[in-house]
């Protein structure tokens, strides 16, 4: 059982949905990024996704694209991203870490070397958005063999014929993309999302986490009533951007700005099912 499996089992026992937070490694610099990561669990994050900066993030909207570029300009790379994970894990043995991004940096690093180093750093799972099920031999199957979860994305266009292929080697949880488009896009239609989650769960016993377009406590709470977890990313990296000074550098407000929003989101997610029952 990975930390991801253990965390979702604990959430089920508690009778609540979880909050999955996405932040970009190295944004706006390595040291501030490390401080943000360490602040997330205390603020209420149940699972942490760490973005691996990449020059061509095709699924990401402007906010996450900008965060990746800030990180790359500050010198972030995959080696340093694994260092961030290792540093976080040295102080927190419980919170699951998922690395999220694109295949190219992993391919350049070397799949076998990457999986060994990721496991040693305390990483629990991967989300690689540009590798379809037909390419499972490239990374998905080696990831599972290494004892890490490989988390697949399902989208509004993933119909019942496609879902079995998407879910075949998925583990940890299923990430449901709530809108057709890029991260940080339009707000999702809650009713449509809840029905989509029900449809996915007819094909799998895995938890379903819903992301893309969730910006605030209200929208997070609405999604949490019908899913095992809510994923928030663009809203958090925007908090980073808005906290920077005129030169684009971190300020004393940067870490607190992210942690404050996470606390608001966590409160919404944690109270959602209780409020629905009342």
Protein backbone atom coordinates (compact mmCIF):
# COMPACT_ATOMS: atom_id res chain seq x y z
CA UNK A 1 0.00 0.00 0.00
CA UNK A 2 1.40 3.39 -1.00
CA UNK A 3 0.92 6.58 0.98
CA UNK A 4 -1.72 7.54 -1.60
CA UNK A 5 -3.67 4.34 -0.94
CA UNK A 6 -3.34 4.86 2.80
CA UNK A 7 -4.49 8.46 2.64
CA UNK A 8 -7.63 7.69 0.63
CA UNK A 9 -8.42 4.80 2.97
CA UNK A 10 -8.14 7.21 5.90
CA UNK A 11 -10.39 9.76 4.17
CA UNK A 12 -12.99 7.06 3.61
CA UNK A 13 -12.92 6.15 7.29
CA UNK A 14 -13.33 9.82 8.19
CA UNK A 15 -16.28 10.11 5.81
CA UNK A 16 -14.95 13.11 3.96
CA UNK A 17 -13.40 14.14 0.69
CA UNK A 18 -9.75 15.08 0.40
CA UNK A 19 -7.98 18.17 -0.89
CA UNK A 20 -5.24 17.66 -3.48
CA UNK A 21 -3.07 20.75 -3.98
CA UNK A 22 -0.86 21.44 -6.99
CA UNK A 23 2.13 23.77 -6.83
CA UNK A 24 4.95 24.22 -9.33
CA UNK A 25 8.40 23.07 -8.23
CA UNK A 26 10.80 25.99 -8.04
CA UNK A 27 8.16 28.72 -8.32
CA UNK A 28 9.20 31.48 -7.82
CA UNK A 29 12.51 30.04 -6.57
CA UNK A 30 13.73 26.80 -5.02
CA UNK A 31 13.81 27.97 -1.41
CA UNK A 32 10.37 29.59 -1.46
CA UNK A 33 8.95 26.55 -3.22
CA UNK A 34 10.30 24.33 -0.44
CA UNK A 35 8.71 26.57 2.18
CA UNK A 36 5.35 26.44 0.37
CA UNK A 37 5.45 22.65 0.22
CA UNK A 38 6.14 22.39 3.94
CA UNK A 39 3.22 24.72 4.72
CA UNK A 40 0.63 22.75 2.72
CA UNK A 41 -0.17 19.83 5.07
CA UNK A 42 -0.68 22.07 8.09
CA UNK A 43 -2.96 24.29 6.00
CA UNK A 44 -5.11 21.27 5.11
CA UNK A 45 -3.71 19.58 2.01
CA UNK A 46 -4.26 15.82 2.02
CA UNK A 47 -2.22 15.03 -1.09
CA UNK A 48 0.39 17.23 -2.79
CA UNK A 49 1.02 17.35 -6.50
CA UNK A 50 4.37 18.90 -7.44
CA UNK A 51 4.57 20.21 -10.98
CA UNK A 52 7.69 19.37 -12.99
CA UNK A 53 8.48 22.55 -14.99
CA UNK A 54 8.49 22.05 -18.75
CA UNK A 55 8.85 24.45 -21.66
CA UNK A 56 5.80 23.16 -23.59
CA UNK A 57 3.00 22.38 -21.12
CA UNK A 58 0.23 21.70 -23.63
CA UNK A 59 -2.54 20.90 -21.13
CA UNK A 60 -1.91 23.88 -18.88
CA UNK A 61 -3.51 27.29 -18.90
CA UNK A 62 -1.77 30.66 -18.55
CA UNK A 63 -1.37 30.54 -14.77
CA UNK A 64 0.49 27.22 -14.64
CA UNK A 65 2.41 28.00 -17.83
CA UNK A 66 3.66 31.21 -16.20
CA UNK A 67 4.56 29.34 -13.01
CA UNK A 68 6.61 26.84 -14.98
CA UNK A 69 8.45 29.60 -16.81
CA UNK A 70 9.20 31.40 -13.53
CA UNK A 71 10.63 28.16 -12.16
CA UNK A 72 12.73 27.46 -15.25
CA UNK A 73 14.13 31.00 -15.23
CA UNK A 74 15.09 30.48 -11.59
CA UNK A 75 17.08 27.38 -12.57
CA UNK A 76 14.65 24.63 -11.59
CA UNK A 77 15.14 21.23 -13.23
CA UNK A 78 14.15 17.64 -12.53
CA UNK A 79 17.13 16.99 -10.27
CA UNK A 80 16.16 19.96 -8.11
CA UNK A 81 12.51 18.90 -8.16
CA UNK A 82 13.49 15.54 -6.71
CA UNK A 83 15.56 17.42 -4.12
CA UNK A 84 12.40 19.33 -3.14
CA UNK A 85 10.53 16.06 -2.68
CA UNK A 86 13.38 14.58 -0.65
CA UNK A 87 13.58 17.66 1.57
CA UNK A 88 9.81 17.60 2.17
CA UNK A 89 9.83 13.88 2.93
CA UNK A 90 12.59 14.25 5.52
CA UNK A 91 10.14 16.18 7.72
CA UNK A 92 6.82 14.59 6.66
CA UNK A 93 6.51 10.83 6.33
CA UNK A 94 2.73 10.76 5.86
CA UNK A 95 1.56 13.21 3.19
CA UNK A 96 1.52 11.65 -0.30
CA UNK A 97 3.58 13.32 -3.04
CA UNK A 98 2.64 13.04 -6.71
CA UNK A 99 4.89 14.43 -9.43
CA UNK A 100 2.82 15.84 -12.29
CA UNK A 101 3.95 16.93 -15.71
CA UNK A 102 5.11 15.73 -19.12
CA UNK A 103 7.18 12.83 -20.35
CA UNK A 104 10.02 14.71 -22.03
CA UNK A 105 11.97 15.67 -18.85
CA UNK A 106 11.64 12.10 -17.54
CA UNK A 107 12.73 10.63 -20.87
CA UNK A 108 15.82 12.88 -20.94
CA UNK A 109 16.60 12.01 -17.32
CA UNK A 110 16.24 8.31 -18.09
CA UNK A 111 13.21 6.29 -16.99
CA UNK A 112 15.03 3.67 -14.92
CA UNK A 113 17.23 6.25 -13.17
CA UNK A 114 14.26 8.56 -12.61
CA UNK A 115 12.14 5.88 -10.96
CA UNK A 116 14.96 4.84 -8.63
CA UNK A 117 15.63 8.47 -7.67
CA UNK A 118 11.93 9.34 -7.31
CA UNK A 119 11.33 6.37 -5.03
CA UNK A 120 14.38 7.27 -2.94
CA UNK A 121 13.14 10.87 -2.67
CA UNK A 122 9.83 9.73 -1.18
CA UNK A 123 7.63 10.26 -4.24
CA UNK A 124 4.47 8.13 -4.19
CA UNK A 125 2.98 8.54 -7.66
CA UNK A 126 3.15 10.09 -11.11
CA UNK A 127 0.74 11.91 -13.38
CA UNK A 128 2.16 12.23 -16.89
CA UNK A 129 -0.45 13.86 -19.05
CA UNK A 130 0.95 13.21 -22.52
CA UNK A 131 1.42 9.42 -22.35
CA UNK A 132 -1.73 7.55 -23.50
CA UNK A 133 -2.51 3.97 -22.42
CA UNK A 134 -1.12 2.68 -25.71
CA UNK A 135 2.33 3.76 -24.45
CA UNK A 136 2.11 2.10 -21.02
CA UNK A 137 5.34 0.19 -21.60
CA UNK A 138 7.25 3.50 -21.76
CA UNK A 139 6.63 4.61 -18.18
CA UNK A 140 3.37 3.38 -16.65
CA UNK A 141 4.30 -0.28 -16.27
CA UNK A 142 7.85 0.43 -15.01
CA UNK A 143 6.35 2.89 -12.51
CA UNK A 144 3.99 0.25 -11.14
CA UNK A 145 6.83 -2.28 -10.97
CA UNK A 146 8.86 0.26 -8.96
CA UNK A 147 6.07 0.41 -6.35
CA UNK A 148 4.74 3.85 -7.30
CA UNK A 149 1.20 4.73 -8.32
CA UNK A 150 0.54 5.77 -11.91
CA UNK A 151 -2.46 8.08 -11.99
CA UNK A 152 -4.35 8.49 -15.22
CA UNK A 153 -6.57 11.33 -16.36
CA UNK A 154 -10.14 10.81 -17.58
CA UNK A 155 -11.90 13.66 -19.36
CA UNK A 156 -15.44 14.61 -20.44
CA UNK A 157 -14.63 13.04 -23.83
CA UNK A 158 -13.52 9.71 -22.33
CA UNK A 159 -16.57 7.58 -23.15
CA UNK A 160 -17.49 4.14 -21.84
CA UNK A 161 -15.62 2.45 -24.68
CA UNK A 162 -12.40 4.30 -23.88
CA UNK A 163 -12.58 4.15 -20.09
CA UNK A 164 -11.43 0.51 -19.69
CA UNK A 165 -8.20 1.29 -21.54
CA UNK A 166 -7.63 4.43 -19.47
CA UNK A 167 -8.26 2.59 -16.20
CA UNK A 168 -6.42 -0.66 -17.02
CA UNK A 169 -3.14 0.23 -15.30
CA UNK A 170 -4.27 3.24 -13.28
CA UNK A 171 -3.60 3.09 -9.54
CA UNK A 172 -3.87 5.36 -6.51
CA UNK A 173 -6.78 7.41 -7.84
CA UNK A 174 -8.36 8.53 -11.08
CA UNK A 175 -7.98 12.21 -11.92
CA UNK A 176 -11.15 13.43 -13.61
CA UNK A 177 -10.65 16.57 -15.69
CA UNK A 178 -13.91 18.42 -15.12
CA UNK A 179 -13.85 20.60 -18.24
CA UNK A 180 -12.84 20.22 -21.86
CA UNK A 181 -9.82 22.48 -22.16
CA UNK A 182 -6.80 23.63 -20.24
CA UNK A 183 -6.13 24.08 -16.53
CA UNK A 184 -7.65 27.12 -14.91
CA UNK A 185 -10.39 27.33 -17.51
CA UNK A 186 -14.13 27.80 -17.05
CA UNK A 187 -15.79 26.69 -13.83
CA UNK A 188 -17.14 23.15 -14.03
CA UNK A 189 -20.86 22.33 -14.01
CA UNK A 190 -21.23 20.50 -10.70
CA UNK A 191 -24.19 18.39 -11.77
CA UNK A 192 -22.39 17.20 -14.90
CA UNK A 193 -19.25 16.44 -12.88
CA UNK A 194 -21.10 14.40 -10.26
CA UNK A 195 -22.76 12.30 -12.96
CA UNK A 196 -19.41 11.80 -14.70
CA UNK A 197 -17.85 10.62 -11.44
CA UNK A 198 -20.70 8.13 -10.99
CA UNK A 199 -20.10 6.84 -14.50
CA UNK A 200 -16.37 6.39 -13.89
CA UNK A 201 -17.03 4.57 -10.63
CA UNK A 202 -19.15 2.03 -12.47
CA UNK A 203 -15.87 0.98 -14.11
CA UNK A 204 -13.47 1.14 -11.14
CA UNK A 205 -13.22 0.93 -7.38
CA UNK A 206 -10.49 3.57 -7.30
CA UNK A 207 -11.13 6.97 -5.68
CA UNK A 208 -11.92 9.77 -8.12
CA UNK A 209 -10.36 13.21 -7.70
CA UNK A 210 -11.78 16.12 -9.71
CA UNK A 211 -9.73 19.05 -10.93
CA UNK A 212 -9.45 21.85 -13.53
CA UNK A 213 -11.48 25.01 -12.93
CA UNK A 214 -11.85 24.74 -9.13
CA UNK A 215 -10.94 28.14 -7.73
CA UNK A 216 -12.46 28.72 -4.31
CA UNK A 217 -13.96 27.09 -1.23
CA UNK A 218 -17.48 27.17 -2.63
CA UNK A 219 -16.67 25.39 -5.87
CA UNK A 220 -14.41 22.95 -4.01
CA UNK A 221 -17.20 22.11 -1.57
CA UNK A 222 -19.69 21.54 -4.40
CA UNK A 223 -17.34 19.06 -6.09
CA UNK A 224 -16.44 17.37 -2.79
CA UNK A 225 -20.06 16.27 -2.31
CA UNK A 226 -19.73 13.91 -5.27
CA UNK A 227 -16.05 12.91 -5.43
CA UNK A 228 -13.39 11.45 -3.15
CA UNK A 229 -11.11 14.46 -3.64
CA UNK A 230 -10.88 17.91 -5.16
CA UNK A 231 -7.75 19.10 -6.99
CA UNK A 232 -6.79 22.78 -6.99
CA UNK A 233 -3.78 24.14 -8.86
CA UNK A 234 -4.19 27.27 -10.96
CA UNK A 235 -5.74 29.24 -8.10
CA UNK A 236 -2.73 28.44 -5.90
CA UNK A 237 -0.06 29.35 -8.44
CA UNK A 238 -1.95 32.59 -9.06
CA UNK A 239 -1.61 33.35 -5.36
CA UNK A 240 2.13 32.96 -5.80
CA UNK A 241 2.17 35.34 -8.77
CA UNK A 242 0.08 37.98 -7.04
CA UNK A 243 2.37 37.93 -3.99
CA UNK A 244 5.57 38.66 -5.92
CA UNK A 245 7.30 42.03 -5.99
CA UNK A 246 7.79 44.19 -9.07
CA UNK A 247 10.89 42.19 -10.03
CA UNK A 248 9.01 38.90 -9.80
CA UNK A 249 10.72 37.85 -6.58
CA UNK A 250 9.14 36.25 -3.52
CA UNK A 251 7.99 38.48 -0.68
CA UNK A 252 7.24 37.75 2.98
CA UNK A 253 3.60 37.29 1.90
CA UNK A 254 4.20 34.54 -0.66
CA UNK A 255 4.05 31.41 1.49
CA UNK A 256 1.25 32.81 3.66
CA UNK A 257 -0.86 33.70 0.61
CA UNK A 258 -0.81 30.11 -0.65
CA UNK A 259 -1.35 28.59 2.80
CA UNK A 260 -4.29 30.89 3.48
CA UNK A 261 -6.12 29.83 0.33
CA UNK A 262 -5.39 26.15 1.05
CA UNK A 263 -6.91 26.57 4.52
CA UNK A 264 -10.07 28.07 3.00
CA UNK A 265 -10.32 25.31 0.42
CA UNK A 266 -9.72 22.61 3.04
CA UNK A 267 -12.50 23.99 5.23
CA UNK A 268 -14.91 23.92 2.31
CA UNK A 269 -13.97 20.38 1.32
CA UNK A 270 -14.05 19.01 4.87
CA UNK A 271 -17.49 20.44 5.63
CA UNK A 272 -19.09 19.66 2.27
CA UNK A 273 -20.64 16.28 3.00
CA UNK A 274 -21.78 17.28 6.47
CA UNK A 275 -23.55 20.32 5.04
CA UNK A 276 -25.14 18.18 2.30
CA UNK A 277 -26.55 15.82 4.92
CA UNK A 278 -28.12 18.60 6.98
